[in-house]
Structure formats: structure tokens, C-alpha cells
Amino acid sequence: MRHKRIVSSIIVVGLGFVSMRALARQTADASGDAPPPKGLVTFSTGNSLSDTFNGWLEPVCRSAGHGHKAYRFSVPGAPTEWLWTHPGQGFGKNDVAKAFVELAPMDILITQPFAGHGRSIENEATYSGNFYRLARESSPNIQLYLYQQWPGRDFNDRWSQVKGDDLKGVVEKRKLKPAATWEDAVTNHLAYFETLRAKMDADFPGKPVLIVPAGMALVNLKKALEAGRIPGLPKDQFFELHYASNDKGPGWDIHTGDKGRYFVSLVLFCCFYKEAPDKVALPEKTTTMTPEQDKVYKQIAWETVRSYPWAGVMPLPDKP
């Protein structure tokens, strides 16, 4: 019982702490249904990479007219296994058992597999599954999203280099090779996530497990910048513009700055509300972006989400 309590609080990981109670409302019954008009209640578990959208996702959604409420449970540097086994620590609603009940009905649970510790697919399926199972007890219609992270600038993690017995099958099927570029590393990360998604789909009948393609969207943003699609920004400075600078402390080579945090939040918005982010208000002061630049960022976020089947906007692929 004590372990169950711990798990409930962990679900809050991901965004900034918000001490508002969840809105009572009828939830959508199937993936792809229109979200409730008053907005969604989301809960995220993870570490500093899910904290990318902490304090950003909720205002982004609210600026577009959705009464969104975002909660989190996060511990810097922690994999999902550690979160599950160390309740009560970190940031946000860390008593997840209690939080899941208090916030019910929740619409979306976001878990963040973490390449930094290179957990196996079996391990991640177990511990993300623990959070999902607990959340479904009080929110049976909740939708699970796996939050696809991105590699560090050196992309030397296990997933980027496709090492390990758990990846042998997908490496052979997709003819993957150890990443030679950051873009290759994102592709290899996505292979891990899609293999994990299929495993969890089999473990949890009902709603399909979905993926937030944040890493893929960042690759598309990098390509757009290099192609000159974004007016007024230097083509060869993607990392300087979107990653934190090295004076920001540990993790500067993987954490995003304000432009990156805003963009990732746009990607989540597109996944959750299944609409283009045209109505989202640009935080010009913090992002130092122009409306013309913002227009391209929004286009890329929406283009990525609506064309990626496991983001949940386009029709889902048939199961093999």
C-alpha cells in the first residue's frame, strides 16, 4: 500500500507544480476523440528533460483558449525505475498514489524513458507500466504518451549507438548503425521508443500507447533552420540557439534554452489537442523570437505531429 502511494505522486513529474484541483468533466473515451472544451489535465514523470516544458506547457495551452492543467513528479537525472522506487522525493506531486486520486479524472500521463541511464526496454516497460497501471485505477480513460527525448550533442549514449541485446531485433529489421551524427542519434532513439511502445501496447490492451515525437521535431527544426526557412536566424547555429549554454551548469549539452522549451511545448500541444498551434501566443520577451520566426516554429511542430502516426493525430497504423 505504501508503494502504491509513492507511485501516485510520481505522476506529477514533468511540468511546474500547480496547486489547482482538476476540473470535473467527461473524458474522451478513445484516442483521437475531441478533447474536453475546458482543457486537459496532464501528469508527467521524468527528470530535467521533461522539465523542459515545466512552466511552459500550461501557459502555451491556455493562451490558445484551453483551460489546461499540468502536473508533474520529477527528479533531475532519474530514470523511471528510480522514480517508482523513491516516492516522496524530487519536485511536484511526489506522492503519486494520492495525487492520481485527487486529480482524477486525468486525461494524459506522460512518462520519460531516459537514455542517460540506458535502461532496457523490459525495464522501462515495467516501470512506465507501473505508473500507467496506477493512473488507470482512478482515471480509466487516461492516455499514455512516451515522451521522446533527444540525445546530447556528443550522442554517445547506448540508444544512440544502438548497443544492447534488447535492440538487436530493431537494429537488424531497420538496418540501424551507430550514430555518426546527432540526427542519426535521434533516429536511433526513436527506434528504442517505438520498440518500447509496441511492448507496452501488448501489455496494456485498450487505448494504444502513443509517442510525443519531440526529438524528431527538433531534427525537423534543425533542417528548416539550415535550409533558411527561419528568417533572421543564422543557419549554422541550431545548438547555440536551442540548447542551453555551457555556463548553465551540468547538462548544458542536452538541456534546451527558452526557444527549445517553447518549441517542445508546441509539439506537446499539437499531440494533446490535435490541432495546429496557430492560436498559441508567442512569448516574445523570453524567446526573443519574432512573429515571422514563430510562424515557422509552429508549422514545423504541427507538420511533425500530424505526419507521425504514433503521435495520435493521423490514423494509427494497423497492428502487424
Protein backbone atom coordinates (compact mmCIF):
# COMPACT_ATOMS: atom_id res chain seq x y z
CA MET A 1 0.00 0.00 0.00
CA ARG A 2 2.88 2.31 0.85
CA HIS A 3 4.48 1.58 -2.54
CA LYS A 4 1.22 2.38 -4.28
CA ARG A 5 1.08 5.75 -2.62
CA ILE A 6 4.51 6.57 -3.82
CA VAL A 7 3.64 5.89 -7.37
CA SER A 8 0.67 8.22 -7.40
CA SER A 9 2.74 11.20 -6.52
CA ILE A 10 5.34 10.47 -9.15
CA ILE A 11 2.86 11.03 -11.94
CA VAL A 12 3.15 14.72 -11.46
CA VAL A 13 6.66 14.77 -12.91
CA GLY A 14 7.26 16.93 -15.92
CA LEU A 15 5.90 20.42 -15.50
CA GLY A 16 5.86 23.12 -12.95
CA PHE A 17 3.92 22.49 -9.76
CA VAL A 18 0.37 23.77 -9.97
CA SER A 19 -1.79 23.65 -6.85
CA MET A 20 -5.15 23.66 -8.64
CA ARG A 21 -7.64 20.84 -8.39
CA ALA A 22 -8.65 19.05 -11.55
CA LEU A 23 -11.75 20.13 -13.41
CA ALA A 24 -14.66 17.73 -13.25
CA ARG A 25 -15.62 16.79 -16.71
CA GLN A 26 -16.36 13.93 -19.06
CA THR A 27 -13.23 12.48 -20.64
CA ALA A 28 -12.83 11.33 -24.21
CA ASP A 29 -13.28 7.59 -24.50
CA ALA A 30 -10.86 6.81 -27.29
CA SER A 31 -7.67 8.10 -28.78
CA GLY A 32 -8.47 10.75 -31.37
CA ASP A 33 -11.68 11.99 -29.75
CA ALA A 34 -12.05 15.75 -29.38
CA PRO A 35 -10.65 16.95 -26.04
CA PRO A 36 -12.98 18.48 -23.43
CA PRO A 37 -13.60 22.19 -24.19
CA LYS A 38 -12.30 23.27 -20.78
CA GLY A 39 -8.93 21.73 -21.38
CA LEU A 40 -6.99 18.67 -20.37
CA VAL A 41 -5.35 17.53 -17.14
CA THR A 42 -1.87 16.11 -17.73
CA PHE A 43 0.62 14.50 -15.40
CA SER A 44 4.25 13.89 -16.28
CA THR A 45 7.01 11.83 -14.68
CA GLY A 46 10.64 12.26 -15.57
CA ASN A 47 13.72 14.36 -14.98
CA SER A 48 15.23 17.59 -16.25
CA LEU A 49 14.35 16.70 -19.85
CA SER A 50 10.65 16.50 -19.04
CA ASP A 51 11.14 19.67 -17.00
CA THR A 52 11.86 21.23 -20.39
CA PHE A 53 8.15 22.01 -20.58
CA ASN A 54 7.74 22.76 -16.87
CA GLY A 55 6.15 26.19 -16.65
CA TRP A 56 5.72 26.31 -20.44
CA LEU A 57 3.10 23.75 -21.48
CA GLU A 58 0.28 25.12 -19.34
CA PRO A 59 0.57 28.77 -20.47
CA VAL A 60 1.05 27.66 -24.09
CA CYS A 61 -2.21 25.71 -23.97
CA ARG A 62 -4.09 28.39 -22.05
CA SER A 63 -3.04 31.09 -24.49
CA ALA A 64 -4.82 29.09 -27.21
CA GLY A 65 -8.05 29.00 -25.19
CA HIS A 66 -7.70 25.63 -23.45
CA GLY A 67 -8.02 25.54 -19.66
CA HIS A 68 -5.08 23.18 -19.38
CA LYS A 69 -3.75 21.93 -16.05
CA ALA A 70 -0.29 20.39 -15.95
CA TYR A 71 1.17 18.47 -13.01
CA ARG A 72 4.46 16.65 -12.57
CA PHE A 73 6.73 14.47 -10.49
CA SER A 74 10.38 14.88 -11.45
CA VAL A 75 13.83 14.19 -10.11
CA PRO A 76 16.85 15.54 -12.02
CA GLY A 77 18.80 12.74 -13.70
CA ALA A 78 16.43 10.00 -12.61
CA PRO A 79 15.23 7.09 -14.77
CA THR A 80 11.66 5.82 -14.42
CA GLU A 81 12.74 2.92 -12.21
CA TRP A 82 14.29 5.30 -9.69
CA LEU A 83 11.17 7.47 -9.62
CA TRP A 84 8.96 4.49 -8.91
CA THR A 85 11.17 3.20 -6.12
CA HIS A 86 11.86 6.60 -4.48
CA PRO A 87 8.48 8.20 -3.84
CA GLY A 88 8.33 11.43 -1.91
CA GLN A 89 11.50 12.89 -3.43
CA GLY A 90 12.12 15.47 -6.12
CA PHE A 91 9.70 18.09 -7.40
CA GLY A 92 5.97 18.38 -7.96
CA LYS A 93 3.36 15.97 -6.66
CA ASN A 94 5.66 13.26 -5.49
CA ASP A 95 3.02 11.28 -3.59
CA VAL A 96 1.63 9.89 -6.82
CA ALA A 97 -0.81 7.44 -5.26
CA LYS A 98 -2.54 10.30 -3.52
CA ALA A 99 -2.16 12.69 -6.45
CA PHE A 100 -3.66 10.34 -9.01
CA VAL A 101 -6.81 10.04 -6.92
CA GLU A 102 -7.05 13.76 -6.12
CA LEU A 103 -6.54 14.81 -9.75
CA ALA A 104 -8.86 12.21 -11.26
CA PRO A 105 -10.08 12.07 -13.88
CA MET A 106 -6.75 12.81 -15.55
CA ASP A 107 -6.59 12.82 -19.35
CA ILE A 108 -2.93 12.21 -20.14
CA LEU A 109 0.03 10.57 -18.41
CA ILE A 110 3.49 11.30 -19.81
CA THR A 111 6.45 9.14 -18.89
CA GLN A 112 10.01 9.90 -19.96
CA PRO A 113 12.35 7.00 -20.68
CA PHE A 114 15.87 8.32 -20.14
CA ALA A 115 18.84 7.43 -22.33
CA GLY A 116 21.24 8.77 -19.72
CA HIS A 117 20.93 5.53 -17.78
CA GLY A 118 20.31 3.32 -20.82
CA ARG A 119 17.60 1.22 -19.22
CA SER A 120 16.47 -1.80 -21.22
CA ILE A 121 13.11 -1.93 -22.97
CA GLU A 122 11.94 -4.57 -20.47
CA ASN A 123 12.94 -2.37 -17.53
CA GLU A 124 11.26 0.74 -18.94
CA ALA A 125 8.10 -1.16 -19.87
CA THR A 126 7.88 -2.40 -16.30
CA TYR A 127 8.28 0.95 -14.55
CA SER A 128 6.42 3.18 -17.02
CA GLY A 129 3.81 0.42 -16.87
CA ASN A 130 3.64 0.69 -13.08
CA PHE A 131 2.75 4.38 -13.32
CA TYR A 132 0.27 3.76 -16.10
CA ARG A 133 -1.44 0.92 -14.23
CA LEU A 134 -1.75 3.04 -11.10
CA ALA A 135 -3.13 6.02 -13.01
CA ARG A 136 -5.77 3.86 -14.71
CA GLU A 137 -7.18 2.81 -11.36
CA SER A 138 -8.71 6.27 -10.82
CA SER A 139 -8.61 7.56 -14.42
CA PRO A 140 -9.57 4.54 -16.57
CA ASN A 141 -9.71 6.60 -19.79
CA ILE A 142 -6.25 8.12 -19.37
CA GLN A 143 -3.98 8.20 -22.43
CA LEU A 144 -0.31 7.27 -22.05
CA TYR A 145 2.32 9.15 -24.05
CA LEU A 146 6.00 8.23 -24.09
CA TYR A 147 7.98 11.47 -24.28
CA GLN A 148 10.72 11.00 -26.87
CA GLN A 149 13.77 12.81 -25.65
CA TRP A 150 16.77 13.80 -27.76
CA PRO A 151 20.44 12.94 -27.40
CA GLY A 152 23.18 15.17 -26.10
CA ARG A 153 25.46 16.91 -28.55
CA ASP A 154 28.02 14.09 -28.21
CA PHE A 155 25.32 11.36 -28.75
CA ASN A 156 27.41 8.71 -27.01
CA ASP A 157 24.57 7.07 -25.06
CA ARG A 158 23.57 3.41 -25.58
CA TRP A 159 20.42 4.18 -27.56
CA SER A 160 22.26 6.47 -29.97
CA GLN A 161 24.89 3.80 -30.54
CA VAL A 162 22.22 1.02 -30.69
CA LYS A 163 24.04 -1.22 -28.25
CA GLY A 164 22.48 -3.99 -26.19
CA ASP A 165 20.59 -7.25 -26.69
CA ASP A 166 17.21 -5.53 -26.35
CA LEU A 167 17.89 -3.51 -29.52
CA LYS A 168 19.24 -6.32 -31.72
CA GLY A 169 15.87 -7.06 -33.30
CA VAL A 170 15.08 -3.49 -34.33
CA VAL A 171 18.70 -2.90 -35.44
CA GLU A 172 18.51 -5.85 -37.84
CA LYS A 173 14.99 -5.01 -39.05
CA ARG A 174 15.74 -1.33 -39.73
CA LYS A 175 19.42 -1.80 -40.60
CA LEU A 176 20.43 0.75 -37.98
CA LYS A 177 24.05 1.72 -37.38
CA PRO A 178 25.77 3.50 -34.51
CA ALA A 179 25.03 7.21 -34.86
CA ALA A 180 27.58 9.26 -36.75
CA THR A 181 25.54 12.47 -36.45
CA TRP A 182 23.12 13.96 -33.97
CA GLU A 183 20.29 13.41 -36.46
CA ASP A 184 21.23 9.71 -36.71
CA ALA A 185 21.14 9.52 -32.94
CA VAL A 186 17.58 10.89 -32.83
CA THR A 187 16.54 8.25 -35.37
CA ASN A 188 18.09 5.53 -33.21
CA HIS A 189 16.38 6.91 -30.11
CA LEU A 190 13.06 6.77 -31.91
CA ALA A 191 13.66 3.09 -32.73
CA TYR A 192 14.02 2.44 -28.98
CA PHE A 193 10.80 4.33 -28.25
CA GLU A 194 8.81 2.59 -30.95
CA THR A 195 10.00 -0.83 -29.76
CA LEU A 196 9.06 0.13 -26.21
CA ARG A 197 5.68 1.41 -27.40
CA ALA A 198 4.90 -1.91 -29.11
CA LYS A 199 5.86 -3.83 -25.95
CA MET A 200 3.65 -1.67 -23.73
CA ASP A 201 0.80 -1.80 -26.24
CA ALA A 202 0.83 -5.58 -25.89
CA ASP A 203 0.97 -5.32 -22.09
CA PHE A 204 -1.94 -2.87 -21.84
CA PRO A 205 -4.91 -3.68 -24.09
CA GLY A 206 -7.26 -0.80 -24.87
CA LYS A 207 -6.04 2.60 -25.90
CA PRO A 208 -2.87 2.50 -27.97
CA VAL A 209 0.25 3.81 -26.27
CA LEU A 210 1.37 6.96 -28.11
CA ILE A 211 4.64 8.90 -28.50
CA VAL A 212 5.41 12.61 -28.28
CA PRO A 213 7.97 12.97 -31.13
CA ALA A 214 9.95 15.79 -29.50
CA GLY A 215 13.33 14.56 -30.75
CA MET A 216 12.03 14.11 -34.29
CA ALA A 217 10.53 17.61 -34.24
CA LEU A 218 13.86 19.10 -33.16
CA VAL A 219 15.56 17.37 -36.11
CA ASN A 220 12.96 18.88 -38.43
CA LEU A 221 13.54 22.29 -36.85
CA LYS A 222 17.30 21.93 -37.37
CA LYS A 223 16.79 21.03 -41.03
CA ALA A 224 14.45 24.00 -41.53
CA LEU A 225 16.99 26.36 -39.98
CA GLU A 226 19.80 25.01 -42.14
CA ALA A 227 17.59 25.33 -45.23
CA GLY A 228 16.98 29.01 -44.49
CA ARG A 229 13.29 28.63 -43.68
CA ILE A 230 13.51 30.65 -40.46
CA PRO A 231 14.03 34.35 -41.21
CA GLY A 232 16.62 36.25 -39.22
CA LEU A 233 18.28 33.26 -37.54
CA PRO A 234 21.78 32.02 -38.50
CA LYS A 235 21.62 28.75 -40.42
CA ASP A 236 24.59 27.14 -38.70
CA GLN A 237 23.72 27.79 -35.04
CA PHE A 238 20.96 25.34 -34.17
CA PHE A 239 22.57 24.18 -30.94
CA GLU A 240 23.65 27.68 -29.91
CA LEU A 241 20.07 28.89 -30.41
CA HIS A 242 18.19 25.98 -28.87
CA TYR A 243 20.45 24.27 -26.34
CA ALA A 244 21.48 25.80 -23.05
CA SER A 245 24.89 27.47 -22.93
CA ASN A 246 27.78 25.88 -21.03
CA ASP A 247 27.55 28.46 -18.25
CA LYS A 248 24.23 26.95 -17.13
CA GLY A 249 25.81 24.10 -15.21
CA PRO A 250 25.59 20.30 -15.65
CA GLY A 251 23.60 19.08 -18.62
CA TRP A 252 24.21 22.13 -20.77
CA ASP A 253 24.91 19.87 -23.76
CA ILE A 254 21.42 18.33 -23.70
CA HIS A 255 19.13 20.82 -21.93
CA THR A 256 17.27 23.30 -24.08
CA GLY A 257 17.09 27.07 -23.76
CA ASP A 258 13.91 29.12 -23.99
CA LYS A 259 13.46 28.73 -27.75
CA GLY A 260 13.79 24.97 -27.38
CA ARG A 261 11.47 24.81 -24.38
CA TYR A 262 8.81 26.79 -26.23
CA PHE A 263 9.14 24.61 -29.32
CA VAL A 264 8.90 21.34 -27.38
CA SER A 265 5.80 22.69 -25.64
CA LEU A 266 4.26 23.41 -29.05
CA VAL A 267 4.88 19.78 -30.01
CA LEU A 268 3.10 18.54 -26.89
CA PHE A 269 0.23 20.96 -27.54
CA CYS A 270 -0.22 19.56 -31.06
CA CYS A 271 -0.23 15.97 -29.75
CA PHE A 272 -2.67 16.58 -26.93
CA TYR A 273 -5.16 18.95 -28.59
CA LYS A 274 -4.76 17.52 -32.09
CA GLU A 275 -4.79 20.92 -33.71
CA ALA A 276 -2.32 23.35 -35.23
CA PRO A 277 -0.89 25.78 -32.64
CA ASP A 278 -1.88 28.88 -34.64
CA LYS A 279 -3.73 30.42 -31.67
CA VAL A 280 -0.85 29.98 -29.24
CA ALA A 281 0.52 33.32 -28.10
CA LEU A 282 4.23 33.84 -28.68
CA PRO A 283 6.18 34.69 -25.50
CA GLU A 284 8.33 37.21 -27.36
CA LYS A 285 10.25 38.50 -24.35
CA THR A 286 11.52 35.11 -23.16
CA THR A 287 12.10 33.52 -26.56
CA THR A 288 13.33 36.72 -28.26
CA MET A 289 11.59 35.46 -31.40
CA THR A 290 9.70 37.45 -33.99
CA PRO A 291 6.18 36.59 -35.18
CA GLU A 292 7.66 35.58 -38.54
CA GLN A 293 10.02 33.11 -36.86
CA ASP A 294 7.25 31.85 -34.61
CA LYS A 295 5.10 31.04 -37.62
CA VAL A 296 7.74 28.62 -38.91
CA TYR A 297 8.26 27.02 -35.48
CA LYS A 298 4.53 26.38 -35.26
CA GLN A 299 4.39 24.98 -38.79
CA ILE A 300 7.22 22.54 -38.06
CA ALA A 301 5.69 21.40 -34.77
CA TRP A 302 2.36 20.72 -36.47
CA GLU A 303 3.90 19.16 -39.60
CA THR A 304 5.85 16.74 -37.41
CA VAL A 305 2.95 15.70 -35.20
CA ARG A 306 0.28 15.35 -37.86
CA SER A 307 2.55 13.22 -40.08
CA TYR A 308 3.86 10.89 -37.36
CA PRO A 309 1.39 8.02 -36.83
CA TRP A 310 2.15 7.33 -33.18
CA ALA A 311 1.55 10.96 -32.17
CA GLY A 312 -2.16 10.15 -32.36
CA VAL A 313 -3.38 12.75 -34.87
CA MET A 314 -3.31 10.79 -38.11
CA PRO A 315 -4.93 7.33 -38.34
CA LEU A 316 -2.94 4.79 -36.40
CA PRO A 317 -1.02 2.09 -38.29
CA ASP A 318 -2.51 -1.38 -38.47
CA LYS A 319 -1.00 -3.77 -35.99
CA PRO A 320 1.20 -6.46 -37.57
